[in-house]
Amino acid sequence: MKKHVVLSDCLVAAIVLLCSLLLLCGNGADNGRTLFSIWCMAAVYCACRLSFVCVGKYMQYILPVLIAVACLYESVLGILQLTGLSDSNNCFFGCTGSFKNPGPYGGFLAVCIAVTGFYALRDCSKRIRIITGLSALSGLIILPSTMSRAAILALAAAVLYLALTSENGKIFLKKHIVWLAPAVIVLCCCAYVIKRPSADGRMFINRMSGRMICRHALTGVGQGCYAGAYGEEQYNYFNTQISRKGTDSTDWTVLDQNQRMVADSPEYAFNEFLQFGAENGVAAMTLLIALFVIGIVQSHKQRTAWCGGLVSFAVFAMFSYPMHVVSFQILLPVMLAAGVSEKSAETGHILMVKYANILMLIILTVLIACKIPFVYKQKSARSTWEKTEYWYNSGFYDYVIADADSLYDYMKHDSNFLFEYGQALSKTGQYEKSDSVLMQGLKISCDPMFWNVMGNNSFERGDFDKAVERYTHAFCMVPNRLYPLCRIARTYFARQETDDFDYMLQKINSFPAKVESATTEKLRKEINELPVTGNLDDTVNKTHKFR
């Protein structure tokens, strides 16, 4: 048994232990949902490792077939969606498979193609090669339709690994490197130019994530708190520049205009390693990276087909959020366990490793079993809230509050629930309670609309200075949105500060919003006609939906 095979088990145990201790010490706000996912992934890893110990010979055939079937299913589902025979899970995209967005869908296909493609090309059972070959081919057909650059890059990384580790591949690269290198560079440039705002936005998110890691290197910002901490980090970044160079607290002209325009309120970091480090600290991030490295190295040394899948997954994880999607949460531990176990199963295992995995699996099973009742109640509460949202969209806020009060303990880590609950409280005049709920939401969300609604609460209470402060905070968090400026102007108008109102009105009319739409036109029209209409309150719901 190679010592790095044992090391992979130690790394999994260390990650579970460290994350559990961090949450036990109060470092988190998601009530264990992130930790529950980590427990489940570790349990799958241990179960898969033990399966190779007990029936390793059969696992070498069972797992590739299961991956091939999953890839075939997703490919067929995507084809049906493209042809209109099945509905997509996202009204904005025609091809999402069983996922909610085409990005994770493309990433799942890329990882599966990498695994099944390697199996189809390696020396193994003819039946396995046929099944995996058909699966890889079907995935390749549908993958371009997802338009996921991260998925295509992930698959390209796996193909490059295959080329560099095979004699024929090395010969091909040496022979055609003269035109291959420029072609790859041109393709990468085209991929960047086609979706440049998106690419720049991802790089800006990485920059903010890096600042968060430096600021909270030891323990991180807390599990489930990434988005909330991101919002504050982005606010500090832009507010500092405006404070130093600007003529007033909303002077967007002193900001880098590209950064201002790509700034947003992301739910994920679009880089699993950076998000894991931001939430759990540098030590946890180092352990996660080490686990991937050990898995890839061991799988490469044993020449298993899982190495391509791990390489593809690692690359995709640097540009998306696969570890927050259930399908990937199953796929990753399976590939890690198989990568370090497939060949070693033929030569036997150290008993200590076997019993260590059994012990860890028992502990994890107990922890998961204890957590399942609460997770089930959370799921039930979420289902109930989906029905309650009808009353929210219809404006029956009293009904919303009645249901939200009973669901709060199970939904207080859902940012959409907290916003709608806080907004309903604001609409019914319960401003103090609304502020309390919205402040809870700011721990787990970077949506500036939380600050806008709290500003509305202060405005309705007559605390105009506090209202302006909160609207300004919302603007500096994402300084490409028009609504906070309109609310500031509305506050100046209410205080009859004519000069400040006129100044803000000029800024609003010249403000370049990130997205110009019917909503922004309506906001400008309402603020210009304010002496006649005097009402901007109804716009907050629509603005939140198009955030």
Protein backbone atom coordinates (compact mmCIF):
# COMPACT_ATOMS: atom_id res chain seq x y z
CA MET A 1 0.00 0.00 0.00
CA LYS A 2 1.43 3.34 -1.03
CA LYS A 3 1.62 5.87 1.76
CA HIS A 4 -0.15 8.55 -0.31
CA VAL A 5 -3.17 6.25 -0.59
CA VAL A 6 -3.38 6.40 3.20
CA LEU A 7 -2.75 10.16 3.00
CA SER A 8 -5.92 10.70 0.97
CA ASP A 9 -7.95 9.13 3.79
CA CYS A 10 -6.17 11.33 6.33
CA LEU A 11 -6.89 14.45 4.29
CA VAL A 12 -10.60 13.62 4.06
CA ALA A 13 -10.72 13.05 7.82
CA ALA A 14 -8.80 16.29 8.47
CA ILE A 15 -11.15 18.36 6.31
CA VAL A 16 -14.22 16.91 8.04
CA LEU A 17 -12.72 17.44 11.49
CA LEU A 18 -11.52 21.00 10.82
CA CYS A 19 -14.82 22.14 9.28
CA SER A 20 -16.79 20.53 12.11
CA LEU A 21 -14.65 22.25 14.74
CA LEU A 22 -14.99 25.61 12.99
CA LEU A 23 -18.78 25.38 12.95
CA LEU A 24 -18.84 24.07 16.53
CA CYS A 25 -16.94 27.22 17.54
CA GLY A 26 -19.68 29.34 15.98
CA ASN A 27 -17.90 30.03 12.71
CA GLY A 28 -20.87 29.84 10.35
CA ALA A 29 -24.41 30.96 9.69
CA ASP A 30 -25.95 28.21 7.60
CA ASN A 31 -26.89 25.98 10.54
CA GLY A 32 -24.73 23.16 9.26
CA ARG A 33 -26.07 22.86 5.71
CA THR A 34 -22.60 23.25 4.22
CA LEU A 35 -21.15 20.93 6.85
CA PHE A 36 -23.93 18.42 6.20
CA SER A 37 -22.87 18.32 2.54
CA ILE A 38 -19.24 17.76 3.59
CA TRP A 39 -20.31 14.90 5.87
CA CYS A 40 -22.30 13.29 3.06
CA MET A 41 -19.43 13.60 0.57
CA ALA A 42 -16.99 12.09 3.08
CA ALA A 43 -19.43 9.24 3.76
CA VAL A 44 -19.69 8.48 0.04
CA TYR A 45 -15.89 8.50 -0.17
CA CYS A 46 -15.53 6.04 2.72
CA ALA A 47 -18.29 3.76 1.37
CA CYS A 48 -16.65 3.69 -2.05
CA ARG A 49 -13.23 2.98 -0.55
CA LEU A 50 -14.64 0.08 1.44
CA SER A 51 -16.44 -1.23 -1.64
CA PHE A 52 -13.09 -1.56 -3.39
CA VAL A 53 -11.76 -3.44 -0.37
CA CYS A 54 -14.64 -5.91 -0.38
CA VAL A 55 -15.54 -6.25 -4.06
CA GLY A 56 -12.79 -4.34 -5.85
CA LYS A 57 -12.88 -6.57 -8.91
CA TYR A 58 -16.54 -5.79 -9.56
CA MET A 59 -16.29 -2.08 -8.72
CA GLN A 60 -13.88 -1.64 -11.63
CA TYR A 61 -16.79 -2.53 -13.93
CA ILE A 62 -19.75 -1.19 -11.98
CA LEU A 63 -18.56 2.41 -11.55
CA PRO A 64 -17.67 3.17 -15.20
CA VAL A 65 -21.01 1.74 -16.32
CA LEU A 66 -22.85 3.95 -13.79
CA ILE A 67 -20.96 7.03 -14.99
CA ALA A 68 -21.70 6.09 -18.61
CA VAL A 69 -25.41 5.66 -17.87
CA ALA A 70 -25.53 9.04 -16.10
CA CYS A 71 -23.81 10.71 -19.05
CA LEU A 72 -26.14 9.04 -21.56
CA TYR A 73 -29.20 10.07 -19.55
CA GLU A 74 -28.10 13.71 -19.36
CA SER A 75 -27.17 13.76 -23.06
CA VAL A 76 -30.51 12.34 -24.17
CA LEU A 77 -32.36 14.75 -21.89
CA GLY A 78 -30.41 17.65 -23.39
CA ILE A 79 -31.22 16.52 -26.93
CA LEU A 80 -34.91 16.29 -26.05
CA GLN A 81 -34.80 19.82 -24.65
CA LEU A 82 -33.08 21.19 -27.74
CA THR A 83 -35.66 19.60 -30.03
CA GLY A 84 -38.55 20.89 -27.92
CA LEU A 85 -39.73 17.46 -26.82
CA SER A 86 -38.90 18.24 -23.19
CA ASP A 87 -38.91 21.46 -21.17
CA SER A 88 -35.73 23.07 -19.92
CA ASN A 89 -35.34 23.78 -16.20
CA ASN A 90 -34.50 27.41 -16.94
CA CYS A 91 -36.70 29.66 -19.05
CA PHE A 92 -33.63 31.63 -20.25
CA PHE A 93 -31.77 28.59 -21.60
CA GLY A 94 -32.95 25.84 -23.90
CA CYS A 95 -30.59 23.09 -22.72
CA THR A 96 -29.96 22.40 -19.02
CA GLY A 97 -30.41 18.62 -18.67
CA SER A 98 -31.60 17.81 -15.16
CA PHE A 99 -29.76 20.88 -13.81
CA LYS A 100 -31.07 24.39 -13.25
CA ASN A 101 -28.39 26.10 -15.33
CA PRO A 102 -26.37 25.13 -18.42
CA GLY A 103 -23.04 25.81 -16.65
CA PRO A 104 -23.18 22.92 -14.14
CA TYR A 105 -24.83 20.79 -16.82
CA GLY A 106 -21.91 21.32 -19.18
CA GLY A 107 -19.43 20.69 -16.37
CA PHE A 108 -21.09 17.41 -15.46
CA LEU A 109 -20.98 16.28 -19.09
CA ALA A 110 -17.31 17.31 -19.37
CA VAL A 111 -16.27 15.30 -16.31
CA CYS A 112 -18.28 12.26 -17.41
CA ILE A 113 -16.85 12.48 -20.94
CA ALA A 114 -13.34 12.60 -19.49
CA VAL A 115 -13.93 9.41 -17.48
CA THR A 116 -15.87 7.45 -20.10
CA GLY A 117 -13.55 8.60 -22.90
CA PHE A 118 -10.53 7.32 -21.00
CA TYR A 119 -12.25 3.99 -20.41
CA ALA A 120 -13.16 3.72 -24.10
CA LEU A 121 -9.53 4.22 -25.09
CA ARG A 122 -7.87 2.01 -22.51
CA ASP A 123 -7.45 -1.76 -22.47
CA CYS A 124 -10.52 -3.18 -20.79
CA SER A 125 -13.62 -5.29 -21.46
CA LYS A 126 -15.04 -4.85 -24.95
CA ARG A 127 -18.54 -4.30 -23.57
CA ILE A 128 -17.28 -1.61 -21.22
CA ARG A 129 -15.47 0.11 -24.07
CA ILE A 130 -18.63 0.12 -26.22
CA ILE A 131 -20.83 1.51 -23.44
CA THR A 132 -18.36 4.17 -22.36
CA GLY A 133 -17.55 5.07 -25.97
CA LEU A 134 -21.21 5.68 -26.83
CA SER A 135 -21.62 7.66 -23.65
CA ALA A 136 -18.62 9.89 -24.37
CA LEU A 137 -19.79 10.45 -27.97
CA SER A 138 -23.31 11.44 -26.89
CA GLY A 139 -21.86 13.87 -24.34
CA LEU A 140 -19.58 15.43 -26.95
CA ILE A 141 -22.56 16.02 -29.23
CA ILE A 142 -24.53 17.97 -26.66
CA LEU A 143 -21.68 19.73 -24.78
CA PRO A 144 -21.29 22.69 -27.25
CA SER A 145 -24.99 23.48 -26.81
CA THR A 146 -24.42 24.36 -23.16
CA MET A 147 -22.16 27.27 -24.21
CA SER A 148 -20.14 26.68 -21.02
CA ARG A 149 -16.58 27.86 -21.51
CA ALA A 150 -15.57 26.41 -18.15
CA ALA A 151 -16.87 22.97 -19.16
CA ILE A 152 -15.08 23.05 -22.52
CA LEU A 153 -11.86 24.17 -20.82
CA ALA A 154 -12.24 21.38 -18.26
CA LEU A 155 -12.61 18.77 -21.00
CA ALA A 156 -9.69 20.29 -22.92
CA ALA A 157 -7.51 19.92 -19.80
CA ALA A 158 -8.43 16.22 -19.59
CA VAL A 159 -7.66 15.73 -23.29
CA LEU A 160 -4.31 17.47 -22.86
CA TYR A 161 -3.51 15.19 -19.93
CA LEU A 162 -4.35 12.16 -22.08
CA ALA A 163 -2.13 13.42 -24.88
CA LEU A 164 0.79 14.06 -22.54
CA THR A 165 0.55 10.64 -20.90
CA SER A 166 0.32 8.51 -24.04
CA GLU A 167 3.02 7.82 -26.61
CA ASN A 168 0.77 8.50 -29.60
CA GLY A 169 -0.38 11.73 -27.98
CA LYS A 170 3.17 12.93 -27.41
CA ILE A 171 4.10 12.14 -31.01
CA PHE A 172 1.03 14.03 -32.28
CA LEU A 173 1.80 17.08 -30.14
CA LYS A 174 5.44 17.20 -31.24
CA LYS A 175 4.42 16.90 -34.87
CA HIS A 176 1.68 19.55 -34.83
CA ILE A 177 2.78 21.89 -32.02
CA VAL A 178 3.62 24.60 -34.58
CA TRP A 179 -0.04 25.21 -35.46
CA LEU A 180 -1.69 23.78 -32.33
CA ALA A 181 -0.22 26.37 -29.94
CA PRO A 182 -1.35 29.43 -31.97
CA ALA A 183 -4.76 27.81 -32.54
CA VAL A 184 -5.26 27.30 -28.82
CA ILE A 185 -4.25 30.90 -28.08
CA VAL A 186 -6.66 32.24 -30.71
CA LEU A 187 -9.50 30.10 -29.37
CA CYS A 188 -8.85 31.28 -25.81
CA CYS A 189 -8.86 34.91 -26.95
CA CYS A 190 -12.11 34.38 -28.84
CA ALA A 191 -13.71 32.72 -25.82
CA TYR A 192 -12.71 35.74 -23.71
CA VAL A 193 -13.90 38.35 -26.21
CA ILE A 194 -17.27 36.65 -26.84
CA LYS A 195 -18.21 36.92 -23.16
CA ARG A 196 -15.77 39.52 -21.93
CA PRO A 197 -18.04 41.09 -19.26
CA SER A 198 -18.65 37.66 -17.77
CA ALA A 199 -14.95 36.79 -17.77
CA ASP A 200 -14.00 40.16 -16.26
CA GLY A 201 -16.71 39.67 -13.65
CA ARG A 202 -15.29 36.29 -12.66
CA MET A 203 -11.80 37.76 -12.33
CA PHE A 204 -13.15 40.59 -10.18
CA ILE A 205 -14.93 38.07 -7.94
CA ASN A 206 -11.63 36.18 -7.59
CA ARG A 207 -9.96 39.43 -6.58
CA MET A 208 -12.54 40.10 -3.86
CA SER A 209 -12.31 36.46 -2.70
CA GLY A 210 -8.54 36.80 -2.39
CA ARG A 211 -8.96 39.93 -0.26
CA MET A 212 -11.41 38.06 1.97
CA ILE A 213 -8.95 35.17 2.43
CA CYS A 214 -6.17 37.59 3.39
CA ARG A 215 -8.45 39.36 5.84
CA HIS A 216 -9.77 36.13 7.45
CA ALA A 217 -6.87 33.75 6.86
CA LEU A 218 -7.12 31.82 10.11
CA THR A 219 -10.78 30.79 10.45
CA GLY A 220 -12.46 32.23 7.38
CA VAL A 221 -15.69 34.21 7.35
CA GLY A 222 -17.80 31.20 8.33
CA GLN A 223 -19.59 28.41 6.49
CA GLY A 224 -22.50 29.75 4.47
CA CYS A 225 -21.35 33.35 5.03
CA TYR A 226 -19.39 33.83 1.81
CA ALA A 227 -21.98 36.00 0.05
CA GLY A 228 -22.54 38.23 3.07
CA ALA A 229 -18.81 38.76 3.60
CA TYR A 230 -18.36 39.32 -0.13
CA GLY A 231 -20.89 42.14 -0.06
CA GLU A 232 -19.02 43.92 2.73
CA GLU A 233 -15.66 43.38 1.02
CA GLN A 234 -16.95 44.84 -2.24
CA TYR A 235 -18.50 47.75 -0.35
CA ASN A 236 -15.21 48.48 1.40
CA TYR A 237 -13.33 48.28 -1.89
CA PHE A 238 -15.49 50.80 -3.75
CA ASN A 239 -16.29 53.01 -0.77
CA THR A 240 -12.59 53.46 0.01
CA GLN A 241 -11.92 54.70 -3.52
CA ILE A 242 -14.88 57.07 -3.47
CA SER A 243 -13.92 58.41 -0.03
CA ARG A 244 -10.36 59.12 -1.16
CA LYS A 245 -10.98 60.59 -4.60
CA GLY A 246 -14.68 61.40 -4.94
CA THR A 247 -16.41 64.75 -4.53
CA ASP A 248 -19.31 63.11 -2.69
CA SER A 249 -20.31 59.71 -1.26
CA THR A 250 -21.80 58.51 -4.57
CA ASP A 251 -19.20 59.83 -7.03
CA TRP A 252 -18.92 56.83 -9.33
CA THR A 253 -16.72 58.70 -11.83
CA VAL A 254 -13.59 58.09 -9.72
CA LEU A 255 -14.00 54.31 -9.97
CA ASP A 256 -12.48 52.05 -12.59
CA GLN A 257 -15.41 51.91 -15.00
CA ASN A 258 -14.77 48.34 -16.08
CA GLN A 259 -14.75 47.15 -12.47
CA ARG A 260 -17.83 49.23 -11.69
CA MET A 261 -19.76 47.71 -14.56
CA VAL A 262 -18.79 44.07 -13.88
CA ALA A 263 -19.46 44.34 -10.13
CA ASP A 264 -22.44 42.24 -9.04
CA SER A 265 -23.89 40.38 -6.06
CA PRO A 266 -22.85 36.75 -6.66
CA GLU A 267 -24.15 33.87 -4.58
CA TYR A 268 -21.02 31.81 -5.28
CA ALA A 269 -17.33 32.61 -5.82
CA PHE A 270 -17.20 30.67 -9.13
CA ASN A 271 -14.03 29.14 -7.74
CA GLU A 272 -14.59 26.37 -5.22
CA PHE A 273 -11.06 26.53 -3.82
CA LEU A 274 -11.25 30.27 -3.14
CA GLN A 275 -14.75 30.02 -1.67
CA PHE A 276 -13.72 27.13 0.57
CA GLY A 277 -10.73 29.14 1.74
CA ALA A 278 -12.80 32.27 2.29
CA GLU A 279 -15.34 30.39 4.40
CA ASN A 280 -13.01 28.06 6.32
CA GLY A 281 -9.57 29.65 6.25
CA VAL A 282 -6.26 29.00 4.53
CA ALA A 283 -5.61 25.72 6.36
CA ALA A 284 -8.86 24.18 5.11
CA MET A 285 -8.22 25.43 1.57
CA THR A 286 -4.74 23.92 1.63
CA LEU A 287 -6.15 20.57 2.73
CA LEU A 288 -8.71 20.62 -0.09
CA ILE A 289 -6.09 21.45 -2.72
CA ALA A 290 -3.80 18.76 -1.30
CA LEU A 291 -6.63 16.21 -1.53
CA PHE A 292 -7.10 16.95 -5.23
CA VAL A 293 -3.34 16.81 -5.87
CA ILE A 294 -2.94 13.50 -4.04
CA GLY A 295 -5.97 12.04 -5.82
CA ILE A 296 -4.68 13.08 -9.24
CA VAL A 297 -1.09 11.95 -8.56
CA GLN A 298 -2.12 8.56 -7.17
CA SER A 299 -4.61 7.99 -9.96
CA HIS A 300 -1.96 8.95 -12.52
CA LYS A 301 0.61 6.58 -11.02
CA GLN A 302 -1.89 3.73 -11.10
CA ARG A 303 -2.89 4.79 -14.66
CA THR A 304 -6.60 4.71 -13.93
CA ALA A 305 -9.24 6.36 -16.09
CA TRP A 306 -10.38 8.41 -13.09
CA CYS A 307 -7.39 10.72 -13.35
CA GLY A 308 -8.89 12.44 -16.40
CA GLY A 309 -12.14 12.98 -14.52
CA LEU A 310 -10.34 14.45 -11.52
CA VAL A 311 -8.30 16.79 -13.73
CA SER A 312 -11.47 17.90 -15.50
CA PHE A 313 -13.32 18.39 -12.21
CA ALA A 314 -10.46 20.41 -10.69
CA VAL A 315 -10.31 22.75 -13.68
CA PHE A 316 -14.08 23.18 -13.76
CA ALA A 317 -14.11 23.89 -10.00
CA MET A 318 -11.84 26.89 -10.62
CA PHE A 319 -14.51 28.55 -12.78
CA SER A 320 -17.83 27.37 -11.35
CA TYR A 321 -19.54 25.99 -8.24
CA PRO A 322 -19.80 22.19 -8.72
CA MET A 323 -19.37 21.34 -5.04
CA HIS A 324 -22.66 23.12 -4.34
CA VAL A 325 -24.58 20.84 -6.74
CA VAL A 326 -25.77 17.43 -5.53
CA SER A 327 -24.72 15.51 -8.65
CA PHE A 328 -21.14 16.72 -8.30
CA GLN A 329 -21.21 16.08 -4.54
CA ILE A 330 -21.70 12.40 -5.38
CA LEU A 331 -19.40 12.32 -8.40
CA LEU A 332 -16.34 13.87 -6.71
CA PRO A 333 -15.92 11.45 -3.74
CA VAL A 334 -16.59 8.51 -6.05
CA MET A 335 -13.81 9.60 -8.42
CA LEU A 336 -11.40 10.33 -5.56
CA ALA A 337 -12.02 6.97 -3.92
CA ALA A 338 -11.83 5.09 -7.21
CA GLY A 339 -8.71 6.95 -8.28
CA VAL A 340 -6.73 5.88 -5.23
CA SER A 341 -8.29 2.42 -4.88
CA GLU A 342 -8.86 0.84 -8.29
CA LYS A 343 -5.41 -0.70 -8.86
CA SER A 344 -4.48 -1.08 -5.22
CA ALA A 345 -7.57 -3.27 -4.78
CA GLU A 346 -5.76 -5.92 -6.77
CA THR A 347 -2.87 -6.13 -4.30
CA GLY A 348 -4.80 -5.86 -1.05
CA HIS A 349 -5.23 -3.18 1.60
CA ILE A 350 -3.67 -2.50 4.95
CA LEU A 351 -6.11 -3.54 7.66
CA MET A 352 -5.59 -0.24 9.47
CA VAL A 353 -6.86 1.66 6.42
CA LYS A 354 -9.86 -0.63 6.15
CA TYR A 355 -10.86 -0.24 9.78
CA ALA A 356 -10.16 3.48 9.75
CA ASN A 357 -12.62 3.94 6.88
CA ILE A 358 -15.17 1.76 8.65
CA LEU A 359 -14.83 3.85 11.82
CA MET A 360 -15.11 7.14 9.92
CA LEU A 361 -18.13 5.87 7.98
CA ILE A 362 -19.89 4.86 11.21
CA ILE A 363 -19.22 8.27 12.80
CA LEU A 364 -20.38 10.12 9.70
CA THR A 365 -23.50 7.96 9.42
CA VAL A 366 -24.44 8.78 13.02
CA LEU A 367 -23.87 12.51 12.46
CA ILE A 368 -25.87 12.48 9.23
CA ALA A 369 -28.69 10.50 10.85
CA CYS A 370 -28.89 13.03 13.69
CA LYS A 371 -29.04 15.90 11.20
CA ILE A 372 -31.57 14.38 8.77
CA PRO A 373 -34.72 15.30 10.79
CA PHE A 374 -33.75 18.99 10.78
CA VAL A 375 -32.81 18.86 7.09
CA TYR A 376 -36.18 17.27 6.33
CA LYS A 377 -37.96 20.04 8.26
CA GLN A 378 -35.97 22.63 6.31
CA LYS A 379 -37.06 21.02 3.05
CA SER A 380 -40.68 20.93 4.21
CA ALA A 381 -40.48 24.58 5.27
CA ARG A 382 -39.04 25.54 1.89
CA SER A 383 -41.89 23.74 0.13
CA THR A 384 -44.42 25.60 2.29
CA TRP A 385 -42.73 28.91 1.58
CA GLU A 386 -42.90 28.35 -2.18
CA LYS A 387 -46.68 28.34 -1.83
CA THR A 388 -46.59 31.42 0.41
CA GLU A 389 -44.66 33.37 -2.21
CA TYR A 390 -47.91 33.62 -4.17
CA TRP A 391 -49.25 35.93 -1.45
CA TYR A 392 -46.01 37.95 -1.55
CA ASN A 393 -46.21 38.46 -5.30
CA SER A 394 -49.90 39.39 -4.95
CA GLY A 395 -49.22 41.95 -2.24
CA PHE A 396 -51.01 40.17 0.64
CA TYR A 397 -48.22 40.85 3.10
CA ASP A 398 -50.18 40.01 6.25
CA TYR A 399 -50.55 36.43 5.01
CA VAL A 400 -46.84 36.33 4.20
CA ILE A 401 -45.89 37.44 7.71
CA ALA A 402 -48.20 34.91 9.34
CA ASP A 403 -46.53 32.02 7.49
CA ALA A 404 -43.01 33.44 7.71
CA ASP A 405 -43.17 33.74 11.49
CA SER A 406 -43.77 30.00 11.81
CA LEU A 407 -41.11 29.09 9.24
CA TYR A 408 -38.37 31.44 10.42
CA ASP A 409 -36.39 28.93 12.52
CA TYR A 410 -35.99 26.62 9.51
CA MET A 411 -35.66 29.29 6.80
CA LYS A 412 -33.46 31.90 8.48
CA HIS A 413 -30.51 30.81 6.35
CA ASP A 414 -32.35 31.35 3.05
CA SER A 415 -31.58 34.84 1.71
CA ASN A 416 -34.63 35.03 -0.59
CA PHE A 417 -36.92 34.14 2.32
CA LEU A 418 -35.33 36.77 4.56
CA PHE A 419 -35.62 39.48 1.92
CA GLU A 420 -39.27 38.77 1.16
CA TYR A 421 -40.09 38.44 4.87
CA GLY A 422 -38.30 41.71 5.65
CA GLN A 423 -39.99 43.44 2.73
CA ALA A 424 -43.42 42.23 3.87
CA LEU A 425 -42.73 43.56 7.37
CA SER A 426 -41.65 46.88 5.88
CA LYS A 427 -44.81 47.11 3.79
CA THR A 428 -46.99 46.57 6.87
CA GLY A 429 -45.20 49.20 8.95
CA GLN A 430 -43.18 46.85 11.20
CA TYR A 431 -39.95 48.67 10.49
CA GLU A 432 -37.89 47.60 13.51
CA LYS A 433 -38.64 43.93 13.00
CA SER A 434 -38.02 44.32 9.29
CA ASP A 435 -34.55 45.75 10.00
CA SER A 436 -33.81 42.80 12.29
CA VAL A 437 -34.77 40.25 9.63
CA LEU A 438 -32.91 42.08 6.87
CA MET A 439 -29.74 42.38 8.99
CA GLN A 440 -29.87 38.61 9.40
CA GLY A 441 -30.10 38.32 5.64
CA LEU A 442 -27.02 40.48 5.14
CA LYS A 443 -24.93 37.81 6.88
CA ILE A 444 -25.59 35.41 4.00
CA SER A 445 -26.35 37.68 1.05
CA CYS A 446 -24.55 40.42 -0.86
CA ASP A 447 -27.71 41.75 -2.49
CA PRO A 448 -27.78 45.56 -1.99
CA MET A 449 -31.59 45.47 -2.02
CA PHE A 450 -31.42 44.51 1.67
CA TRP A 451 -29.84 47.89 2.40
CA ASN A 452 -32.34 49.65 0.15
CA VAL A 453 -35.32 48.22 2.02
CA MET A 454 -33.69 49.11 5.35
CA GLY A 455 -33.24 52.59 3.93
CA ASN A 456 -36.95 52.62 3.14
CA ASN A 457 -37.64 51.64 6.76
CA SER A 458 -35.58 54.58 8.02
CA PHE A 459 -37.28 56.87 5.52
CA GLU A 460 -40.75 55.88 6.72
CA ARG A 461 -39.69 56.45 10.33
CA GLY A 462 -38.55 59.94 9.41
CA ASP A 463 -34.87 59.22 10.04
CA PHE A 464 -33.71 60.73 6.76
CA ASP A 465 -29.99 60.83 7.63
CA LYS A 466 -30.00 57.10 8.35
CA ALA A 467 -31.97 56.48 5.15
CA VAL A 468 -29.38 58.30 3.03
CA GLU A 469 -26.60 56.39 4.79
CA ARG A 470 -28.24 53.05 3.99
CA TYR A 471 -29.00 53.94 0.38
CA THR A 472 -25.39 55.06 -0.03
CA HIS A 473 -24.20 51.75 1.41
CA ALA A 474 -26.35 49.91 -1.13
CA PHE A 475 -24.93 52.01 -3.97
CA CYS A 476 -21.30 51.45 -2.95
CA MET A 477 -21.85 47.67 -2.73
CA VAL A 478 -22.81 47.51 -6.41
CA PRO A 479 -22.18 50.96 -7.92
CA ASN A 480 -23.83 50.27 -11.27
CA ARG A 481 -27.45 50.30 -10.10
CA LEU A 482 -29.76 53.27 -10.35
CA TYR A 483 -32.32 52.57 -7.64
CA PRO A 484 -30.27 53.71 -4.58
CA LEU A 485 -29.59 57.07 -6.23
CA CYS A 486 -33.29 57.52 -6.88
CA ARG A 487 -34.07 56.78 -3.25
CA ILE A 488 -31.46 59.30 -2.10
CA ALA A 489 -33.05 61.93 -4.34
CA ARG A 490 -36.46 60.99 -2.94
CA THR A 491 -35.13 61.56 0.57
CA TYR A 492 -33.74 64.99 -0.34
CA PHE A 493 -37.09 65.87 -1.86
CA ALA A 494 -38.92 64.80 1.32
CA ARG A 495 -36.59 67.01 3.39
CA GLN A 496 -37.19 69.85 0.93
CA GLU A 497 -33.47 70.18 0.24
CA THR A 498 -33.87 71.62 -3.23
CA ASP A 499 -30.19 72.08 -4.10
CA ASP A 500 -29.26 68.53 -3.08
CA PHE A 501 -32.29 67.17 -4.94
CA ASP A 502 -31.42 69.04 -8.14
CA TYR A 503 -27.80 67.87 -7.89
CA MET A 504 -28.86 64.26 -7.44
CA LEU A 505 -31.39 64.60 -10.27
CA GLN A 506 -28.59 65.62 -12.65
CA LYS A 507 -26.52 62.63 -11.52
CA ILE A 508 -29.44 60.25 -12.07
CA ASN A 509 -30.06 61.52 -15.60
CA SER A 510 -26.39 61.11 -16.52
CA PHE A 511 -25.80 57.85 -14.63
CA PRO A 512 -24.75 54.91 -16.88
CA ALA A 513 -26.44 51.83 -15.37
CA LYS A 514 -25.12 48.35 -16.03
CA VAL A 515 -28.38 47.33 -17.66
CA GLU A 516 -30.58 49.95 -19.26
CA SER A 517 -34.14 48.68 -19.36
CA ALA A 518 -37.77 49.64 -18.96
CA THR A 519 -37.19 49.57 -15.20
CA THR A 520 -34.40 52.16 -15.30
CA GLU A 521 -36.45 54.34 -17.64
CA LYS A 522 -39.35 54.17 -15.23
CA LEU A 523 -37.10 55.07 -12.29
CA ARG A 524 -35.74 58.15 -14.09
CA LYS A 525 -39.21 59.20 -15.19
CA GLU A 526 -40.60 58.89 -11.67
CA ILE A 527 -37.78 60.88 -10.11
CA ASN A 528 -38.10 63.61 -12.75
CA GLU A 529 -41.84 63.79 -12.11
CA LEU A 530 -41.45 63.47 -8.35
CA PRO A 531 -43.23 66.72 -7.47
CA VAL A 532 -46.30 65.22 -9.20
CA THR A 533 -46.15 61.50 -8.30
CA GLY A 534 -43.91 61.39 -5.23
CA ASN A 535 -43.84 57.59 -5.15
CA LEU A 536 -41.01 55.17 -5.83
CA ASP A 537 -42.01 52.44 -3.40
CA ASP A 538 -43.66 50.12 -5.92
CA THR A 539 -40.45 49.76 -7.90
CA VAL A 540 -38.52 47.91 -5.18
CA ASN A 541 -40.16 44.54 -5.88
CA LYS A 542 -39.47 44.70 -9.60
CA THR A 543 -35.90 45.88 -9.03
CA HIS A 544 -35.24 42.92 -6.74
CA LYS A 545 -36.48 40.49 -9.35
CA PHE A 546 -34.07 41.88 -11.94
CA ARG A 547 -31.08 42.16 -9.59
